[in-house]
Amino acid sequence: MNVDRAVFAFAGVVVSLSLALGYFVSPYWFLLTAFAGLNMFQAAFTGFCPAALIFKALGLKPGNAFK
């Protein structure tokens, strides 16, 4: 697994988890979904993603999107 795939998997887990928590626990959890979406949007233009830095530090191979 490379950094790109790990970031996509992590974003999918965060969005799915926050949607479930927003539905079952509190609507305030939907703010986490919004944060994840805005982070993905800015990463598309800037190439900066905190999760990518963490996965790179953990030793995952770089991908095409996050080097």
Protein backbone atom coordinates (compact mmCIF):
# COMPACT_ATOMS: atom_id res chain seq x y z
CA MET A 1 0.00 0.00 0.00
CA ASN A 2 1.29 3.46 -0.83
CA VAL A 3 0.57 6.84 0.75
CA ASP A 4 -2.13 7.75 -1.80
CA ARG A 5 -4.18 4.63 -1.16
CA ALA A 6 -3.76 4.98 2.60
CA VAL A 7 -5.03 8.58 2.47
CA PHE A 8 -8.06 7.56 0.38
CA ALA A 9 -8.82 4.66 2.74
CA PHE A 10 -8.45 6.87 5.81
CA ALA A 11 -10.70 9.57 4.31
CA GLY A 12 -13.32 6.96 3.51
CA VAL A 13 -13.26 5.62 7.06
CA VAL A 14 -13.48 9.12 8.55
CA VAL A 15 -16.42 10.10 6.34
CA SER A 16 -18.29 6.84 6.94
CA LEU A 17 -17.69 6.92 10.68
CA SER A 18 -18.72 10.56 11.02
CA LEU A 19 -21.88 9.97 9.02
CA ALA A 20 -22.82 7.06 11.27
CA LEU A 21 -22.03 9.05 14.42
CA GLY A 22 -23.99 12.01 13.07
CA TYR A 23 -27.01 9.84 12.47
CA PHE A 24 -26.93 7.80 15.68
CA VAL A 25 -25.25 10.09 18.24
CA SER A 26 -25.33 13.80 17.44
CA PRO A 27 -25.68 15.92 14.29
CA TYR A 28 -22.53 17.80 15.33
CA TRP A 29 -20.51 14.83 14.02
CA PHE A 30 -21.44 15.97 10.50
CA LEU A 31 -18.89 18.75 11.01
CA LEU A 32 -16.18 16.08 10.83
CA THR A 33 -17.55 15.04 7.43
CA ALA A 34 -17.38 18.66 6.29
CA PHE A 35 -13.81 18.97 7.59
CA ALA A 36 -12.73 15.83 5.73
CA GLY A 37 -14.33 17.07 2.52
CA LEU A 38 -12.73 20.51 2.77
CA ASN A 39 -9.36 18.94 3.52
CA MET A 40 -9.61 16.71 0.43
CA PHE A 41 -10.62 19.74 -1.66
CA GLN A 42 -7.65 21.85 -0.57
CA ALA A 43 -5.28 18.88 -0.95
CA ALA A 44 -6.34 18.57 -4.59
CA PHE A 45 -5.01 22.07 -5.26
CA THR A 46 -2.11 22.40 -2.83
CA GLY A 47 -0.84 18.83 -2.53
CA PHE A 48 -0.65 19.27 1.25
CA CYS A 49 -2.36 16.65 3.40
CA PRO A 50 -1.54 16.08 7.07
CA ALA A 51 -2.56 12.43 6.84
CA ALA A 52 -0.12 11.91 3.96
CA LEU A 53 2.70 13.29 6.09
CA ILE A 54 1.81 10.89 8.89
CA PHE A 55 1.60 7.88 6.57
CA LYS A 56 4.91 8.84 4.98
CA ALA A 57 6.50 9.06 8.44
CA LEU A 58 5.15 5.58 9.18
CA GLY A 59 7.15 4.28 6.24
CA LEU A 60 4.60 3.87 3.44
CA LYS A 61 5.89 4.26 -0.09
CA PRO A 62 5.09 7.56 -1.82
CA GLY A 63 2.47 7.56 -4.55
CA ASN A 64 1.71 9.87 -7.44
CA ALA A 65 -0.47 12.38 -5.59
CA PHE A 66 1.49 12.79 -2.36
CA LYS A 67 5.27 12.55 -2.71
